[in-house]
Amino acid sequence: MKKYLLPILQAAVTLFIFAKLFGDASLRENAARALAAADFAWLVGAACAAALSEILCATRWWVILKAFGLQVRWRDAVAFSAVGLFYSLGLPGSAGGDAVRTLYLMRLFPDKKMASAFSVLADRLCGLAALVVFMAATLAWNHQTFLAGELGRGIVLSAASLLGGAILLLGLWWMTTIPSLRDFVRRRHPHFSLHLLESGAIFQQMAQRPGAVLIGCALAVAALAAHFLGYFFSAKAFGSSLGIGSLFSIMPIVDTLTMLPVALYGLGLREALFNVLLGTFFGTPSATATLISLGGFGAQAVVALLGAAFLPFIKFLSLGDTDKK
């Protein structure tokens, strides 16, 4: 029962936020009008942008895999990533998809289990680096705008603090690779997780592969830009006059805060953030902001569901293939 407690609480938070949002009669009426006038061709574009983002993510991981000595074809990396994305819907949170990718790799490379786990971790760290780049850029370019409005300012500062805290924790984790500090921790805290200390080797592994890491970070930036573009297309679908810069300015903040395991798939929390940020800083009506958020997430969900199409092919992937490149 305990393992279901968090998803149940997340679902409850999601339902509560949606009940608060759609409990407003004017929001429901305006949303209904916006839906009736929507140009769904833009939502197809949003789905294409989401698909491009996932292909770029898969390519990023493929580059990392090759650097870690795991020779997998690009199409196989795409298949693994697509299946992982599909499972992330059934196993809430990105960690679910990461676990699936790691397990598939360990089956393919039973003698390289550590490298398999490290490749997925390095892939995620490249993604985090890209998010930091976008967050730094949006704070630098929009800091005067973001200082307006107490609630909006609080959300922006919370996101910046959360991402800064993550960087700090990564720094502390990296410090465990220093031999003298690692030995000190082992002596003073014998019950400290040895796995955590050993996993710090990921930083040394990445430092030995600077070229692959730089390419991975560049692909992560491109993937994140395609992801943001999907929400811009969603805005166009619902007749919003928001510019692409406006969507790109809030998306790092939204993506950072929705990483928190508060709501199921970030639903509800994402819509609330869109309402506050787009309403406070760009004067977007609440109904439009809500639909933009739901449209962008819906496009991502469609792409994730399409990952099920790769399930029948996964079992045929094996090291016996001679045309791996």
C-alpha atoms as a PDB file:
ATOM      1  CA  MET A   1       0.000   0.000   0.000  1.00  0.00           C
ATOM      2  CA  LYS A   2       2.865   2.366   0.834  1.00  0.00           C
ATOM      3  CA  LYS A   3       4.178   2.315  -2.743  1.00  0.00           C
ATOM      4  CA  TYR A   4       0.816   3.657  -3.959  1.00  0.00           C
ATOM      5  CA  LEU A   5       0.643   6.428  -1.359  1.00  0.00           C
ATOM      6  CA  LEU A   6       2.636   9.025  -3.320  1.00  0.00           C
ATOM      7  CA  PRO A   7       0.707   8.554  -6.619  1.00  0.00           C
ATOM      8  CA  ILE A   8      -2.562   8.754  -4.682  1.00  0.00           C
ATOM      9  CA  LEU A   9      -1.489  11.992  -3.001  1.00  0.00           C
ATOM     10  CA  GLN A  10      -0.286  13.383  -6.356  1.00  0.00           C
ATOM     11  CA  ALA A  11      -3.603  12.516  -7.984  1.00  0.00           C
ATOM     12  CA  ALA A  12      -5.439  14.199  -5.110  1.00  0.00           C
ATOM     13  CA  VAL A  13      -3.383  17.400  -5.564  1.00  0.00           C
ATOM     14  CA  THR A  14      -4.027  17.345  -9.316  1.00  0.00           C
ATOM     15  CA  LEU A  15      -7.787  16.926  -8.839  1.00  0.00           C
ATOM     16  CA  PHE A  16      -7.870  19.644  -6.187  1.00  0.00           C
ATOM     17  CA  ILE A  17      -6.115  22.188  -8.419  1.00  0.00           C
ATOM     18  CA  PHE A  18      -8.318  21.360 -11.408  1.00  0.00           C
ATOM     19  CA  ALA A  19     -11.396  21.657  -9.216  1.00  0.00           C
ATOM     20  CA  LYS A  20     -10.255  25.119  -8.110  1.00  0.00           C
ATOM     21  CA  LEU A  21      -9.461  26.214 -11.671  1.00  0.00           C
ATOM     22  CA  PHE A  22     -12.563  24.907 -13.381  1.00  0.00           C
ATOM     23  CA  GLY A  23     -14.759  25.809 -10.446  1.00  0.00           C
ATOM     24  CA  ASP A  24     -14.688  29.314 -11.907  1.00  0.00           C
ATOM     25  CA  ALA A  25     -17.722  29.599 -14.209  1.00  0.00           C
ATOM     26  CA  SER A  26     -16.143  32.368 -16.300  1.00  0.00           C
ATOM     27  CA  LEU A  27     -13.047  30.240 -16.905  1.00  0.00           C
ATOM     28  CA  ARG A  28     -15.208  27.356 -18.089  1.00  0.00           C
ATOM     29  CA  GLU A  29     -17.172  29.593 -20.448  1.00  0.00           C
ATOM     30  CA  ASN A  30     -14.070  31.257 -21.870  1.00  0.00           C
ATOM     31  CA  ALA A  31     -12.292  27.903 -22.230  1.00  0.00           C
ATOM     32  CA  ALA A  32     -15.289  26.487 -24.097  1.00  0.00           C
ATOM     33  CA  ARG A  33     -15.258  29.420 -26.513  1.00  0.00           C
ATOM     34  CA  ALA A  34     -11.505  29.115 -27.041  1.00  0.00           C
ATOM     35  CA  LEU A  35     -11.851  25.386 -27.723  1.00  0.00           C
ATOM     36  CA  ALA A  36     -14.625  25.998 -30.255  1.00  0.00           C
ATOM     37  CA  ALA A  37     -12.440  28.504 -32.105  1.00  0.00           C
ATOM     38  CA  ALA A  38      -9.187  26.515 -31.772  1.00  0.00           C
ATOM     39  CA  ASP A  39      -6.995  25.780 -34.788  1.00  0.00           C
ATOM     40  CA  PHE A  40      -6.082  22.152 -34.133  1.00  0.00           C
ATOM     41  CA  ALA A  41      -3.492  22.158 -36.919  1.00  0.00           C
ATOM     42  CA  TRP A  42      -1.243  24.002 -34.485  1.00  0.00           C
ATOM     43  CA  LEU A  43      -1.684  21.175 -31.979  1.00  0.00           C
ATOM     44  CA  VAL A  44      -0.437  18.757 -34.631  1.00  0.00           C
ATOM     45  CA  GLY A  45       2.582  21.041 -34.854  1.00  0.00           C
ATOM     46  CA  ALA A  46       2.916  20.854 -31.063  1.00  0.00           C
ATOM     47  CA  ALA A  47       2.945  17.043 -31.257  1.00  0.00           C
ATOM     48  CA  CYS A  48       5.610  17.198 -33.994  1.00  0.00           C
ATOM     49  CA  ALA A  49       7.707  19.509 -31.805  1.00  0.00           C
ATOM     50  CA  ALA A  50       7.321  17.086 -28.896  1.00  0.00           C
ATOM     51  CA  ALA A  51       8.383  14.193 -31.142  1.00  0.00           C
ATOM     52  CA  LEU A  52      11.413  16.159 -32.341  1.00  0.00           C
ATOM     53  CA  SER A  53      12.344  16.876 -28.734  1.00  0.00           C
ATOM     54  CA  GLU A  54      12.239  13.173 -27.863  1.00  0.00           C
ATOM     55  CA  ILE A  55      14.261  12.206 -30.953  1.00  0.00           C
ATOM     56  CA  LEU A  56      16.917  14.741 -29.963  1.00  0.00           C
ATOM     57  CA  CYS A  57      16.898  13.314 -26.420  1.00  0.00           C
ATOM     58  CA  ALA A  58      17.349   9.805 -27.808  1.00  0.00           C
ATOM     59  CA  THR A  59      20.211  11.018 -30.006  1.00  0.00           C
ATOM     60  CA  ARG A  60      21.812  12.655 -26.965  1.00  0.00           C
ATOM     61  CA  TRP A  61      21.650   9.373 -25.093  1.00  0.00           C
ATOM     62  CA  TRP A  62      23.029   7.495 -28.120  1.00  0.00           C
ATOM     63  CA  VAL A  63      26.082   9.791 -28.139  1.00  0.00           C
ATOM     64  CA  ILE A  64      26.582   9.139 -24.416  1.00  0.00           C
ATOM     65  CA  LEU A  65      26.157   5.383 -24.917  1.00  0.00           C
ATOM     66  CA  LYS A  66      28.904   5.281 -27.533  1.00  0.00           C
ATOM     67  CA  ALA A  67      31.203   7.287 -25.258  1.00  0.00           C
ATOM     68  CA  PHE A  68      30.634   4.770 -22.460  1.00  0.00           C
ATOM     69  CA  GLY A  69      31.507   1.855 -24.732  1.00  0.00           C
ATOM     70  CA  LEU A  70      27.943   0.667 -25.222  1.00  0.00           C
ATOM     71  CA  GLN A  71      27.635   0.181 -28.967  1.00  0.00           C
ATOM     72  CA  VAL A  72      23.955   0.530 -29.762  1.00  0.00           C
ATOM     73  CA  ARG A  73      22.471   1.534 -33.093  1.00  0.00           C
ATOM     74  CA  TRP A  74      20.803   4.926 -33.245  1.00  0.00           C
ATOM     75  CA  ARG A  75      17.433   3.382 -34.102  1.00  0.00           C
ATOM     76  CA  ASP A  76      17.725   1.059 -31.105  1.00  0.00           C
ATOM     77  CA  ALA A  77      18.482   4.004 -28.831  1.00  0.00           C
ATOM     78  CA  VAL A  78      15.363   5.701 -30.200  1.00  0.00           C
ATOM     79  CA  ALA A  79      13.332   2.531 -29.543  1.00  0.00           C
ATOM     80  CA  PHE A  80      14.615   2.226 -25.964  1.00  0.00           C
ATOM     81  CA  SER A  81      13.885   5.902 -25.333  1.00  0.00           C
ATOM     82  CA  ALA A  82      10.387   5.647 -26.831  1.00  0.00           C
ATOM     83  CA  VAL A  83       9.520   2.658 -24.668  1.00  0.00           C
ATOM     84  CA  GLY A  84      10.963   4.408 -21.604  1.00  0.00           C
ATOM     85  CA  LEU A  85       8.830   7.440 -22.410  1.00  0.00           C
ATOM     86  CA  PHE A  86       5.756   5.230 -22.694  1.00  0.00           C
ATOM     87  CA  TYR A  87       6.441   3.601 -19.338  1.00  0.00           C
ATOM     88  CA  SER A  88       6.932   7.008 -17.751  1.00  0.00           C
ATOM     89  CA  LEU A  89       3.158   7.435 -18.131  1.00  0.00           C
ATOM     90  CA  GLY A  90       2.544   4.221 -16.220  1.00  0.00           C
ATOM     91  CA  LEU A  91       5.368   4.852 -13.764  1.00  0.00           C
ATOM     92  CA  PRO A  92       4.870   8.545 -12.885  1.00  0.00           C
ATOM     93  CA  GLY A  93       7.998  10.654 -13.115  1.00  0.00           C
ATOM     94  CA  SER A  94      10.955  10.523 -15.453  1.00  0.00           C
ATOM     95  CA  ALA A  95      12.689   8.023 -13.145  1.00  0.00           C
ATOM     96  CA  GLY A  96      10.240   5.344 -14.302  1.00  0.00           C
ATOM     97  CA  GLY A  97      11.370   5.680 -17.900  1.00  0.00           C
ATOM     98  CA  ASP A  98      15.007   5.847 -16.813  1.00  0.00           C
ATOM     99  CA  ALA A  99      14.633   2.589 -14.905  1.00  0.00           C
ATOM    100  CA  VAL A 100      13.226   0.886 -17.994  1.00  0.00           C
ATOM    101  CA  ARG A 101      16.088   2.165 -20.153  1.00  0.00           C
ATOM    102  CA  THR A 102      18.640   0.988 -17.605  1.00  0.00           C
ATOM    103  CA  LEU A 103      17.091  -2.478 -17.351  1.00  0.00           C
ATOM    104  CA  TYR A 104      17.047  -2.921 -21.129  1.00  0.00           C
ATOM    105  CA  LEU A 105      20.693  -1.902 -21.326  1.00  0.00           C
ATOM    106  CA  MET A 106      21.699  -4.288 -18.558  1.00  0.00           C
ATOM    107  CA  ARG A 107      20.042  -7.120 -20.459  1.00  0.00           C
ATOM    108  CA  LEU A 108      22.001  -6.211 -23.564  1.00  0.00           C
ATOM    109  CA  PHE A 109      25.260  -5.634 -21.715  1.00  0.00           C
ATOM    110  CA  PRO A 110      25.231  -7.907 -18.639  1.00  0.00           C
ATOM    111  CA  ASP A 111      28.959  -7.392 -18.165  1.00  0.00           C
ATOM    112  CA  LYS A 112      28.650  -3.588 -18.247  1.00  0.00           C
ATOM    113  CA  LYS A 113      25.924  -2.903 -15.724  1.00  0.00           C
ATOM    114  CA  MET A 114      27.703   0.057 -14.131  1.00  0.00           C
ATOM    115  CA  ALA A 115      28.332   1.675 -17.525  1.00  0.00           C
ATOM    116  CA  SER A 116      24.667   1.134 -18.396  1.00  0.00           C
ATOM    117  CA  ALA A 117      23.498   2.925 -15.267  1.00  0.00           C
ATOM    118  CA  PHE A 118      26.069   5.689 -15.703  1.00  0.00           C
ATOM    119  CA  SER A 119      25.012   6.325 -19.315  1.00  0.00           C
ATOM    120  CA  VAL A 120      21.435   7.072 -18.240  1.00  0.00           C
ATOM    121  CA  LEU A 121      22.662   9.233 -15.363  1.00  0.00           C
ATOM    122  CA  ALA A 122      25.057  11.166 -17.620  1.00  0.00           C
ATOM    123  CA  ASP A 123      22.203  11.669 -20.075  1.00  0.00           C
ATOM    124  CA  ARG A 124      20.068  13.206 -17.311  1.00  0.00           C
ATOM    125  CA  LEU A 125      22.921  15.444 -16.159  1.00  0.00           C
ATOM    126  CA  CYS A 126      23.243  16.821 -19.696  1.00  0.00           C
ATOM    127  CA  GLY A 127      19.520  17.572 -19.617  1.00  0.00           C
ATOM    128  CA  LEU A 128      19.906  19.355 -16.278  1.00  0.00           C
ATOM    129  CA  ALA A 129      22.769  21.429 -17.678  1.00  0.00           C
ATOM    130  CA  ALA A 130      20.517  22.554 -20.547  1.00  0.00           C
ATOM    131  CA  LEU A 131      17.777  23.562 -18.101  1.00  0.00           C
ATOM    132  CA  VAL A 132      20.316  25.590 -16.116  1.00  0.00           C
ATOM    133  CA  VAL A 133      21.372  27.381 -19.331  1.00  0.00           C
ATOM    134  CA  PHE A 134      17.766  28.301 -20.165  1.00  0.00           C
ATOM    135  CA  MET A 135      17.032  29.355 -16.591  1.00  0.00           C
ATOM    136  CA  ALA A 136      20.099  31.599 -16.482  1.00  0.00           C
ATOM    137  CA  ALA A 137      19.153  33.120 -19.825  1.00  0.00           C
ATOM    138  CA  THR A 138      15.543  33.846 -18.868  1.00  0.00           C
ATOM    139  CA  LEU A 139      16.561  35.397 -15.535  1.00  0.00           C
ATOM    140  CA  ALA A 140      19.174  37.556 -17.256  1.00  0.00           C
ATOM    141  CA  TRP A 141      16.826  38.790 -19.989  1.00  0.00           C
ATOM    142  CA  ASN A 142      13.616  39.111 -17.982  1.00  0.00           C
ATOM    143  CA  HIS A 143      14.719  40.006 -14.469  1.00  0.00           C
ATOM    144  CA  GLN A 144      13.044  43.423 -14.553  1.00  0.00           C
ATOM    145  CA  THR A 145       9.761  41.908 -15.733  1.00  0.00           C
ATOM    146  CA  PHE A 146       9.965  39.081 -13.202  1.00  0.00           C
ATOM    147  CA  LEU A 147      10.420  41.523 -10.332  1.00  0.00           C
ATOM    148  CA  ALA A 148       6.896  42.822 -10.954  1.00  0.00           C
ATOM    149  CA  GLY A 149       4.073  41.169  -9.032  1.00  0.00           C
ATOM    150  CA  GLU A 150       4.627  39.573  -5.652  1.00  0.00           C
ATOM    151  CA  LEU A 151       3.175  36.146  -6.465  1.00  0.00           C
ATOM    152  CA  GLY A 152       4.918  35.872  -9.827  1.00  0.00           C
ATOM    153  CA  ARG A 153       8.203  37.001  -8.301  1.00  0.00           C
ATOM    154  CA  GLY A 154       7.858  34.411  -5.566  1.00  0.00           C
ATOM    155  CA  ILE A 155       7.349  31.618  -8.105  1.00  0.00           C
ATOM    156  CA  VAL A 156      10.364  32.709 -10.167  1.00  0.00           C
ATOM    157  CA  LEU A 157      12.586  32.915  -7.108  1.00  0.00           C
ATOM    158  CA  SER A 158      11.349  29.520  -5.902  1.00  0.00           C
ATOM    159  CA  ALA A 159      12.281  27.936  -9.237  1.00  0.00           C
ATOM    160  CA  ALA A 160      15.690  29.613  -9.242  1.00  0.00           C
ATOM    161  CA  SER A 161      16.303  28.466  -5.652  1.00  0.00           C
ATOM    162  CA  LEU A 162      15.234  24.912  -6.455  1.00  0.00           C
ATOM    163  CA  LEU A 163      17.564  24.691  -9.431  1.00  0.00           C
ATOM    164  CA  GLY A 164      20.347  26.333  -7.440  1.00  0.00           C
ATOM    165  CA  GLY A 165      19.823  23.800  -4.662  1.00  0.00           C
ATOM    166  CA  ALA A 166      20.079  20.962  -7.178  1.00  0.00           C
ATOM    167  CA  ILE A 167      23.389  22.361  -8.430  1.00  0.00           C
ATOM    168  CA  LEU A 168      24.638  22.647  -4.839  1.00  0.00           C
ATOM    169  CA  LEU A 169      23.732  19.022  -4.128  1.00  0.00           C
ATOM    170  CA  LEU A 170      25.507  17.947  -7.302  1.00  0.00           C
ATOM    171  CA  GLY A 171      28.558  19.851  -6.111  1.00  0.00           C
ATOM    172  CA  LEU A 172      28.458  18.057  -2.779  1.00  0.00           C
ATOM    173  CA  TRP A 173      28.010  14.755  -4.593  1.00  0.00           C
ATOM    174  CA  TRP A 174      31.023  15.542  -6.794  1.00  0.00           C
ATOM    175  CA  MET A 175      33.084  16.230  -3.667  1.00  0.00           C
ATOM    176  CA  THR A 176      32.635  12.590  -2.648  1.00  0.00           C
ATOM    177  CA  THR A 177      35.010  11.730  -5.500  1.00  0.00           C
ATOM    178  CA  ILE A 178      37.863  13.435  -3.609  1.00  0.00           C
ATOM    179  CA  PRO A 179      39.766  10.474  -2.040  1.00  0.00           C
ATOM    180  CA  SER A 180      40.517  12.170   1.284  1.00  0.00           C
ATOM    181  CA  LEU A 181      36.896  13.272   1.743  1.00  0.00           C
ATOM    182  CA  ARG A 182      35.545   9.874   0.691  1.00  0.00           C
ATOM    183  CA  ASP A 183      37.801   8.120   3.210  1.00  0.00           C
ATOM    184  CA  PHE A 184      36.771  10.610   5.898  1.00  0.00           C
ATOM    185  CA  VAL A 185      33.084   9.920   5.288  1.00  0.00           C
ATOM    186  CA  ARG A 186      33.656   6.164   5.400  1.00  0.00           C
ATOM    187  CA  ARG A 187      35.524   6.437   8.732  1.00  0.00           C
ATOM    188  CA  ARG A 188      33.152   8.849  10.458  1.00  0.00           C
ATOM    189  CA  HIS A 189      29.913   7.530   8.965  1.00  0.00           C
ATOM    190  CA  PRO A 190      30.340   3.787   8.349  1.00  0.00           C
ATOM    191  CA  HIS A 191      26.624   3.408   7.587  1.00  0.00           C
ATOM    192  CA  PHE A 192      26.714   6.031   4.850  1.00  0.00           C
ATOM    193  CA  SER A 193      25.559   4.573   1.525  1.00  0.00           C
ATOM    194  CA  LEU A 194      28.508   3.021  -0.275  1.00  0.00           C
ATOM    195  CA  HIS A 195      26.481   3.035  -3.478  1.00  0.00           C
ATOM    196  CA  LEU A 196      26.194   6.814  -3.276  1.00  0.00           C
ATOM    197  CA  LEU A 197      29.922   7.177  -2.785  1.00  0.00           C
ATOM    198  CA  GLU A 198      30.658   4.816  -5.649  1.00  0.00           C
ATOM    199  CA  SER A 199      28.161   6.530  -7.957  1.00  0.00           C
ATOM    200  CA  GLY A 200      30.173   9.739  -7.660  1.00  0.00           C
ATOM    201  CA  ALA A 201      32.493   8.149 -10.206  1.00  0.00           C
ATOM    202  CA  ILE A 202      30.030   9.372 -12.854  1.00  0.00           C
ATOM    203  CA  PHE A 203      31.734  12.772 -12.715  1.00  0.00           C
ATOM    204  CA  GLN A 204      35.136  11.228 -13.404  1.00  0.00           C
ATOM    205  CA  GLN A 205      33.634   9.182 -16.228  1.00  0.00           C
ATOM    206  CA  MET A 206      32.133  12.295 -17.798  1.00  0.00           C
ATOM    207  CA  ALA A 207      35.353  14.278 -17.380  1.00  0.00           C
ATOM    208  CA  GLN A 208      37.144  11.592 -19.384  1.00  0.00           C
ATOM    209  CA  ARG A 209      34.686  12.101 -22.262  1.00  0.00           C
ATOM    210  CA  PRO A 210      34.486  15.898 -22.687  1.00  0.00           C
ATOM    211  CA  GLY A 211      33.599  15.750 -26.382  1.00  0.00           C
ATOM    212  CA  ALA A 212      30.608  13.473 -25.876  1.00  0.00           C
ATOM    213  CA  VAL A 213      29.445  15.522 -22.888  1.00  0.00           C
ATOM    214  CA  LEU A 214      29.593  18.783 -24.861  1.00  0.00           C
ATOM    215  CA  ILE A 215      27.677  17.230 -27.769  1.00  0.00           C
ATOM    216  CA  GLY A 216      25.181  15.793 -25.279  1.00  0.00           C
ATOM    217  CA  CYS A 217      24.655  19.209 -23.674  1.00  0.00           C
ATOM    218  CA  ALA A 218      24.210  20.853 -27.088  1.00  0.00           C
ATOM    219  CA  LEU A 219      21.610  18.250 -28.060  1.00  0.00           C
ATOM    220  CA  ALA A 220      19.921  18.747 -24.687  1.00  0.00           C
ATOM    221  CA  VAL A 221      19.613  22.492 -25.374  1.00  0.00           C
ATOM    222  CA  ALA A 222      18.097  21.749 -28.801  1.00  0.00           C
ATOM    223  CA  ALA A 223      15.703  19.181 -27.306  1.00  0.00           C
ATOM    224  CA  LEU A 224      14.558  21.609 -24.628  1.00  0.00           C
ATOM    225  CA  ALA A 225      14.022  24.327 -27.240  1.00  0.00           C
ATOM    226  CA  ALA A 226      11.839  21.924 -29.279  1.00  0.00           C
ATOM    227  CA  HIS A 227       9.919  21.076 -26.101  1.00  0.00           C
ATOM    228  CA  PHE A 228       9.269  24.784 -25.434  1.00  0.00           C
ATOM    229  CA  LEU A 229       8.281  25.265 -29.073  1.00  0.00           C
ATOM    230  CA  GLY A 230       5.456  22.758 -28.577  1.00  0.00           C
ATOM    231  CA  TYR A 231       3.880  25.055 -25.987  1.00  0.00           C
ATOM    232  CA  PHE A 232       4.245  28.036 -28.324  1.00  0.00           C
ATOM    233  CA  PHE A 233       2.352  26.077 -30.991  1.00  0.00           C
ATOM    234  CA  SER A 234      -0.283  25.289 -28.370  1.00  0.00           C
ATOM    235  CA  ALA A 235      -0.608  29.014 -27.687  1.00  0.00           C
ATOM    236  CA  LYS A 236      -1.131  29.645 -31.397  1.00  0.00           C
ATOM    237  CA  ALA A 237      -3.787  26.918 -31.490  1.00  0.00           C
ATOM    238  CA  PHE A 238      -5.878  28.778 -28.945  1.00  0.00           C
ATOM    239  CA  GLY A 239      -5.542  32.173 -30.571  1.00  0.00           C
ATOM    240  CA  SER A 240      -3.030  33.674 -28.153  1.00  0.00           C
ATOM    241  CA  SER A 241      -0.911  36.584 -29.363  1.00  0.00           C
ATOM    242  CA  LEU A 242       1.997  35.578 -27.114  1.00  0.00           C
ATOM    243  CA  GLY A 243       5.373  35.726 -28.830  1.00  0.00           C
ATOM    244  CA  ILE A 244       7.778  32.824 -28.819  1.00  0.00           C
ATOM    245  CA  GLY A 245      10.055  34.728 -26.431  1.00  0.00           C
ATOM    246  CA  SER A 246       7.265  34.967 -23.856  1.00  0.00           C
ATOM    247  CA  LEU A 247       6.735  31.194 -23.801  1.00  0.00           C
ATOM    248  CA  PHE A 248      10.457  30.498 -23.770  1.00  0.00           C
ATOM    249  CA  SER A 249      10.865  32.874 -20.811  1.00  0.00           C
ATOM    250  CA  ILE A 250       8.460  31.043 -18.515  1.00  0.00           C
ATOM    251  CA  MET A 251       9.071  27.440 -19.582  1.00  0.00           C
ATOM    252  CA  PRO A 252      12.348  26.947 -17.638  1.00  0.00           C
ATOM    253  CA  ILE A 253      10.509  28.095 -14.512  1.00  0.00           C
ATOM    254  CA  VAL A 254       7.536  25.821 -15.144  1.00  0.00           C
ATOM    255  CA  ASP A 255       9.686  22.794 -15.995  1.00  0.00           C
ATOM    256  CA  THR A 256      11.821  23.291 -12.894  1.00  0.00           C
ATOM    257  CA  LEU A 257       8.870  23.441 -10.507  1.00  0.00           C
ATOM    258  CA  THR A 258       6.976  20.572 -12.139  1.00  0.00           C
ATOM    259  CA  MET A 259       9.968  18.332 -11.415  1.00  0.00           C
ATOM    260  CA  LEU A 260       8.753  18.370  -7.829  1.00  0.00           C
ATOM    261  CA  PRO A 261       6.697  15.211  -7.129  1.00  0.00           C
ATOM    262  CA  VAL A 262       3.687  17.259  -6.078  1.00  0.00           C
ATOM    263  CA  ALA A 263       1.113  16.502  -8.776  1.00  0.00           C
ATOM    264  CA  LEU A 264       0.558  13.552 -11.114  1.00  0.00           C
ATOM    265  CA  TYR A 265       2.703  14.209 -14.221  1.00  0.00           C
ATOM    266  CA  GLY A 266       2.758  17.851 -13.105  1.00  0.00           C
ATOM    267  CA  LEU A 267      -0.908  18.176 -14.127  1.00  0.00           C
ATOM    268  CA  GLY A 268      -2.722  20.876 -12.236  1.00  0.00           C
ATOM    269  CA  LEU A 269       0.504  22.388 -10.948  1.00  0.00           C
ATOM    270  CA  ARG A 270       1.590  23.175 -14.522  1.00  0.00           C
ATOM    271  CA  GLU A 271      -1.749  24.813 -15.297  1.00  0.00           C
ATOM    272  CA  ALA A 272      -1.654  26.859 -12.107  1.00  0.00           C
ATOM    273  CA  LEU A 273       1.864  28.063 -12.928  1.00  0.00           C
ATOM    274  CA  PHE A 274       0.832  29.019 -16.474  1.00  0.00           C
ATOM    275  CA  ASN A 275      -2.091  30.972 -15.045  1.00  0.00           C
ATOM    276  CA  VAL A 276       0.045  32.954 -12.648  1.00  0.00           C
ATOM    277  CA  LEU A 277       3.099  33.518 -14.858  1.00  0.00           C
ATOM    278  CA  LEU A 278       1.324  34.276 -18.128  1.00  0.00           C
ATOM    279  CA  GLY A 279      -1.361  36.274 -16.334  1.00  0.00           C
ATOM    280  CA  THR A 280       1.025  38.290 -14.163  1.00  0.00           C
ATOM    281  CA  PHE A 281       3.729  39.018 -16.692  1.00  0.00           C
ATOM    282  CA  PHE A 282       1.921  38.957 -20.049  1.00  0.00           C
ATOM    283  CA  GLY A 283      -1.742  39.597 -19.237  1.00  0.00           C
ATOM    284  CA  THR A 284      -2.960  36.279 -20.668  1.00  0.00           C
ATOM    285  CA  PRO A 285      -6.550  35.350 -19.672  1.00  0.00           C
ATOM    286  CA  SER A 286      -6.801  32.433 -17.265  1.00  0.00           C
ATOM    287  CA  ALA A 287      -8.787  30.222 -19.648  1.00  0.00           C
ATOM    288  CA  THR A 288      -6.258  30.706 -22.446  1.00  0.00           C
ATOM    289  CA  ALA A 289      -3.299  30.046 -20.160  1.00  0.00           C
ATOM    290  CA  THR A 290      -4.924  26.835 -18.923  1.00  0.00           C
ATOM    291  CA  LEU A 291      -5.606  25.582 -22.452  1.00  0.00           C
ATOM    292  CA  ILE A 292      -2.061  26.423 -23.596  1.00  0.00           C
ATOM    293  CA  SER A 293      -0.694  24.295 -20.770  1.00  0.00           C
ATOM    294  CA  LEU A 294      -3.078  21.397 -21.384  1.00  0.00           C
ATOM    295  CA  GLY A 295      -2.455  21.527 -25.135  1.00  0.00           C
ATOM    296  CA  GLY A 296       1.313  21.391 -24.695  1.00  0.00           C
ATOM    297  CA  PHE A 297       1.119  18.530 -22.223  1.00  0.00           C
ATOM    298  CA  GLY A 298      -1.428  16.713 -24.386  1.00  0.00           C
ATOM    299  CA  ALA A 299       0.996  16.806 -27.324  1.00  0.00           C
ATOM    300  CA  GLN A 300       3.711  15.296 -25.126  1.00  0.00           C
ATOM    301  CA  ALA A 301       1.326  12.620 -23.863  1.00  0.00           C
ATOM    302  CA  VAL A 302       0.391  11.624 -27.424  1.00  0.00           C
ATOM    303  CA  VAL A 303       4.069  11.180 -28.302  1.00  0.00           C
ATOM    304  CA  ALA A 304       4.621   9.160 -25.118  1.00  0.00           C
ATOM    305  CA  LEU A 305       1.702   6.869 -25.926  1.00  0.00           C
ATOM    306  CA  LEU A 306       3.103   6.299 -29.414  1.00  0.00           C
ATOM    307  CA  GLY A 307       6.136   4.793 -27.690  1.00  0.00           C
ATOM    308  CA  ALA A 308       4.025   1.669 -27.196  1.00  0.00           C
ATOM    309  CA  ALA A 309       4.474   0.991 -30.918  1.00  0.00           C
ATOM    310  CA  PHE A 310       8.123   0.106 -30.202  1.00  0.00           C
ATOM    311  CA  LEU A 311       7.319  -2.506 -27.557  1.00  0.00           C
ATOM    312  CA  PRO A 312       7.063  -5.485 -29.984  1.00  0.00           C
ATOM    313  CA  PHE A 313      10.483  -4.709 -31.427  1.00  0.00           C
ATOM    314  CA  ILE A 314      12.458  -4.391 -28.180  1.00  0.00           C
ATOM    315  CA  LYS A 315      12.768  -8.158 -27.658  1.00  0.00           C
ATOM    316  CA  PHE A 316      14.395  -8.516 -31.074  1.00  0.00           C
ATOM    317  CA  LEU A 317      17.229  -6.135 -30.223  1.00  0.00           C
ATOM    318  CA  SER A 318      20.361  -8.090 -29.377  1.00  0.00           C
ATOM    319  CA  LEU A 319      24.118  -7.836 -29.409  1.00  0.00           C
ATOM    320  CA  GLY A 320      24.184 -10.411 -32.157  1.00  0.00           C
ATOM    321  CA  ASP A 321      23.454  -7.749 -34.782  1.00  0.00           C
ATOM    322  CA  THR A 322      26.515  -7.124 -36.862  1.00  0.00           C
ATOM    323  CA  ASP A 323      25.431  -3.828 -38.356  1.00  0.00           C
ATOM    324  CA  LYS A 324      25.505  -1.798 -35.124  1.00  0.00           C
ATOM    325  CA  LYS A 325      26.980   1.618 -35.713  1.00  0.00           C
END
